[in-house]
Amino acid sequence: MNQNKPPRVFAFIDSQNLNLGTQKAGWKMDWRKFRQWLGEKYGVTKAFMFIGYVPEFEDIYEQMHDAGYAVVLKPTFDLTRPQQEMLEVMGETHGQKPTEPEEKKPVKGNIDAELVLWAMKEMSNYEKAIIVSGDGDFYSLVEYLEGKGRLLHVLAPSQHYSSLYNRYEKYIVNLDQHRNELAYRDFKHRSKKG
C-alpha cells in the first residue's frame, strides 16, 4: 500500500440494526447525509447496504442506490406463516379467524450471513473496513478484520451495543454522538404562515 495514498475503505451496513438502533435512541437516520458523512469523515469509497427485501419497498431501495449505496437485498419471510402452518399441521386452526390481510405481518430478513460473506468476498478490493452495526453476531468478523489489520471502525447506532465488542472499544464510534449531523429532519410538516 502506497504511504501517500489514502487506504480504500469499504463500509458494510446492517440497515435494520442501524435503523432500529437510532429510532430506539429517539432519532431517524438521514441516509443521504450518512453516505456523504461516511465518505467525508472516513474516506468510504463503497458502502454496502444490507436490507431484507420486501416488494412494496422497491422505491426505497432505489432511493438508497441513488444516495450512493451498493444495495444488497436478502429475501424475507413472513414470521406468521410458520406458526400458521404449524397450527394447521397440529389441527388447531379450527374456529380461529385467518389473519386479516390489512394486518401488518412481522417480516424477517436476517442479513448477517450476507454482510459477512460480502466483507470477505470484497477483501481484495479494500484496505480498511467499517462495520456499521452494534450486533454481536458480527464479533467473529470484527475479530478477523482486526487480526488482519483491516478493521477501521465499528459504527454502533448508540452506546447500547453488544458487550462482545468491549475488547474492541478503541474501534467503536457511537453514531448517536453525531445525531446533529446525521438526523433526518422533515421540514414538510411545518405549517406555512398565513
Protein backbone atom coordinates (compact mmCIF):
# COMPACT_ATOMS: atom_id res chain seq x y z
CA MET A 1 0.00 0.00 0.00
CA ASN A 2 1.39 3.39 -1.04
CA GLN A 3 2.03 5.54 2.08
CA ASN A 4 0.88 8.77 0.34
CA LYS A 5 -2.33 7.29 -0.97
CA PRO A 6 -5.28 7.00 1.46
CA PRO A 7 -6.48 3.43 2.03
CA ARG A 8 -9.52 2.15 0.16
CA VAL A 9 -12.27 1.98 2.77
CA PHE A 10 -15.48 -0.02 2.39
CA ALA A 11 -18.44 0.14 4.76
CA PHE A 12 -20.72 -2.84 5.44
CA ILE A 13 -24.03 -1.66 6.88
CA ASP A 14 -26.60 -3.71 8.78
CA SER A 15 -29.52 -1.45 7.82
CA GLN A 16 -32.02 -2.95 10.26
CA ASN A 17 -29.70 -2.69 13.26
CA LEU A 18 -28.80 0.88 12.34
CA ASN A 19 -32.38 1.92 11.66
CA LEU A 20 -33.86 0.33 14.80
CA GLY A 21 -30.93 1.44 16.96
CA THR A 22 -31.21 5.11 16.03
CA GLN A 23 -35.01 5.05 16.36
CA LYS A 24 -34.68 3.49 19.81
CA ALA A 25 -32.31 6.34 20.69
CA GLY A 26 -35.02 8.80 19.57
CA TRP A 27 -33.98 9.84 16.08
CA LYS A 28 -34.14 8.83 12.45
CA MET A 29 -31.12 8.46 10.16
CA ASP A 30 -30.88 10.63 7.05
CA TRP A 31 -29.44 8.01 4.71
CA ARG A 32 -28.19 10.53 2.13
CA LYS A 33 -26.35 12.52 4.81
CA PHE A 34 -24.96 9.32 6.29
CA ARG A 35 -23.48 8.19 2.96
CA GLN A 36 -21.91 11.60 2.42
CA TRP A 37 -20.59 11.63 6.02
CA LEU A 38 -19.00 8.18 5.58
CA GLY A 39 -17.16 9.47 2.53
CA GLU A 40 -16.04 12.77 4.05
CA LYS A 41 -15.14 11.51 7.54
CA TYR A 42 -13.65 8.09 6.76
CA GLY A 43 -12.96 8.11 3.02
CA VAL A 44 -15.51 5.37 2.34
CA THR A 45 -15.47 4.69 -1.40
CA LYS A 46 -18.06 1.91 -1.36
CA ALA A 47 -20.88 1.44 1.16
CA PHE A 48 -22.77 -1.84 1.06
CA MET A 49 -26.29 -1.57 2.48
CA PHE A 50 -27.74 -4.94 3.52
CA ILE A 51 -31.54 -4.96 3.59
CA GLY A 52 -34.26 -7.59 3.84
CA TYR A 53 -36.25 -7.48 0.59
CA VAL A 54 -39.93 -6.54 0.80
CA PRO A 55 -41.52 -6.00 -2.66
CA GLU A 56 -43.57 -2.93 -1.64
CA PHE A 57 -40.37 -1.07 -0.67
CA GLU A 58 -38.80 -1.11 -4.16
CA ASP A 59 -38.78 2.71 -4.29
CA ILE A 60 -36.80 2.88 -1.03
CA TYR A 61 -34.14 0.52 -2.38
CA GLU A 62 -33.84 2.70 -5.46
CA GLN A 63 -33.51 5.83 -3.30
CA MET A 64 -30.72 4.11 -1.32
CA HIS A 65 -28.95 3.27 -4.56
CA ASP A 66 -29.35 6.86 -5.77
CA ALA A 67 -27.90 8.09 -2.45
CA GLY A 68 -24.70 6.14 -3.20
CA TYR A 69 -25.17 2.76 -1.53
CA ALA A 70 -24.48 -0.62 -3.11
CA VAL A 71 -27.76 -2.24 -2.04
CA VAL A 72 -27.66 -5.97 -1.26
CA LEU A 73 -31.14 -7.45 -0.83
CA LYS A 74 -31.94 -10.60 1.14
CA PRO A 75 -35.26 -12.42 0.62
CA THR A 76 -37.56 -12.11 3.62
CA PHE A 77 -40.18 -14.42 5.02
CA ASP A 78 -43.43 -13.89 6.85
CA LEU A 79 -42.94 -14.79 10.52
CA THR A 80 -46.63 -15.59 10.95
CA ARG A 81 -46.60 -18.20 8.16
CA PRO A 82 -44.60 -20.92 10.00
CA GLN A 83 -46.87 -20.50 13.04
CA GLN A 84 -49.97 -20.82 10.86
CA GLU A 85 -48.56 -23.90 9.12
CA MET A 86 -47.68 -25.50 12.47
CA LEU A 87 -51.20 -24.87 13.79
CA GLU A 88 -52.65 -26.41 10.63
CA VAL A 89 -50.41 -29.48 10.97
CA MET A 90 -51.47 -29.85 14.58
CA GLY A 91 -55.13 -29.39 13.60
CA GLU A 92 -55.54 -26.40 15.90
CA THR A 93 -56.86 -23.83 13.44
CA HIS A 94 -60.48 -24.91 13.73
CA GLY A 95 -62.59 -21.95 14.75
CA GLN A 96 -59.72 -19.44 14.52
CA LYS A 97 -60.02 -16.43 12.29
CA PRO A 98 -57.46 -16.18 9.50
CA THR A 99 -55.06 -13.24 9.70
CA GLU A 100 -56.62 -10.12 8.23
CA PRO A 101 -54.89 -9.01 5.02
CA GLU A 102 -54.66 -5.38 6.26
CA GLU A 103 -52.86 -6.55 9.38
CA LYS A 104 -49.14 -5.78 9.31
CA LYS A 105 -47.30 -9.09 9.44
CA PRO A 106 -43.89 -9.37 11.07
CA VAL A 107 -41.24 -9.94 8.42
CA LYS A 108 -37.74 -11.32 8.95
CA GLY A 109 -34.82 -10.85 6.58
CA ASN A 110 -31.68 -11.71 8.51
CA ILE A 111 -28.73 -10.23 6.61
CA ASP A 112 -25.89 -11.32 8.93
CA ALA A 113 -24.52 -14.06 6.66
CA GLU A 114 -24.68 -11.79 3.60
CA LEU A 115 -22.78 -9.00 5.34
CA VAL A 116 -20.03 -11.36 6.49
CA LEU A 117 -19.87 -13.03 3.06
CA TRP A 118 -19.56 -9.71 1.22
CA ALA A 119 -16.94 -8.38 3.65
CA MET A 120 -14.84 -11.48 2.91
CA LYS A 121 -15.61 -11.58 -0.81
CA GLU A 122 -14.63 -7.91 -1.26
CA MET A 123 -11.49 -8.10 0.91
CA SER A 124 -9.09 -7.86 -2.06
CA ASN A 125 -10.78 -4.57 -3.04
CA TYR A 126 -10.28 -2.64 0.22
CA GLU A 127 -7.57 -1.97 2.77
CA LYS A 128 -9.87 -0.99 5.66
CA ALA A 129 -13.42 -1.95 6.58
CA ILE A 130 -16.09 -0.25 8.65
CA ILE A 131 -18.80 -2.47 10.11
CA VAL A 132 -21.98 -0.49 10.81
CA SER A 133 -23.87 -2.42 13.48
CA GLY A 134 -23.93 -2.88 17.23
CA ASP A 135 -24.98 -6.52 16.77
CA GLY A 136 -22.67 -9.05 18.42
CA ASP A 137 -23.35 -11.52 15.59
CA PHE A 138 -20.53 -9.79 13.72
CA TYR A 139 -18.00 -10.42 16.51
CA SER A 140 -16.08 -13.08 14.53
CA LEU A 141 -15.87 -10.80 11.50
CA VAL A 142 -14.65 -7.89 13.63
CA GLU A 143 -12.10 -10.17 15.30
CA TYR A 144 -10.87 -11.46 11.94
CA LEU A 145 -10.61 -8.00 10.35
CA GLU A 146 -8.78 -6.63 13.39
CA GLY A 147 -6.35 -9.55 13.30
CA LYS A 148 -5.61 -8.84 9.63
CA GLY A 149 -5.14 -5.11 10.29
CA ARG A 150 -8.19 -4.36 8.15
CA LEU A 151 -10.66 -3.00 10.75
CA LEU A 152 -11.05 0.77 10.73
CA HIS A 153 -14.17 1.13 12.90
CA VAL A 154 -17.35 -0.43 14.22
CA LEU A 155 -20.08 2.20 13.99
CA ALA A 156 -22.75 1.43 16.57
CA PRO A 157 -26.14 3.22 16.43
CA SER A 158 -25.91 4.16 20.12
CA GLN A 159 -23.94 3.39 23.26
CA HIS A 160 -26.03 0.22 23.61
CA TYR A 161 -24.03 -2.27 21.56
CA SER A 162 -23.05 -5.87 22.19
CA SER A 163 -20.72 -6.37 25.15
CA LEU A 164 -18.75 -8.73 22.88
CA TYR A 165 -17.22 -5.58 21.39
CA ASN A 166 -15.82 -4.35 24.73
CA ARG A 167 -12.33 -5.55 23.80
CA TYR A 168 -12.60 -3.55 20.54
CA GLU A 169 -13.63 -0.34 22.28
CA LYS A 170 -10.93 1.70 20.52
CA TYR A 171 -12.68 0.95 17.21
CA ILE A 172 -16.21 1.82 18.37
CA VAL A 173 -17.85 5.02 17.15
CA ASN A 174 -21.21 5.87 18.74
CA LEU A 175 -23.35 7.33 15.93
CA ASP A 176 -25.73 8.85 18.48
CA GLN A 177 -22.95 11.36 19.22
CA HIS A 178 -23.22 12.52 15.58
CA ARG A 179 -27.01 12.86 15.67
CA ASN A 180 -26.97 16.58 14.76
CA GLU A 181 -25.02 15.86 11.57
CA LEU A 182 -26.89 12.70 10.57
CA ALA A 183 -30.51 13.02 11.71
CA TYR A 184 -33.32 13.29 9.21
CA ARG A 185 -35.33 16.47 9.56
CA ASP A 186 -38.73 16.68 7.93
CA PHE A 187 -39.44 20.31 7.10
CA LYS A 188 -42.62 19.47 5.17
CA HIS A 189 -44.74 19.08 8.31
CA ARG A 190 -44.16 22.65 9.44
CA SER A 191 -47.20 24.84 8.85
CA LYS A 192 -46.95 27.76 6.47
CA LYS A 193 -47.52 31.34 7.56
CA GLY A 194 -50.98 32.62 6.85
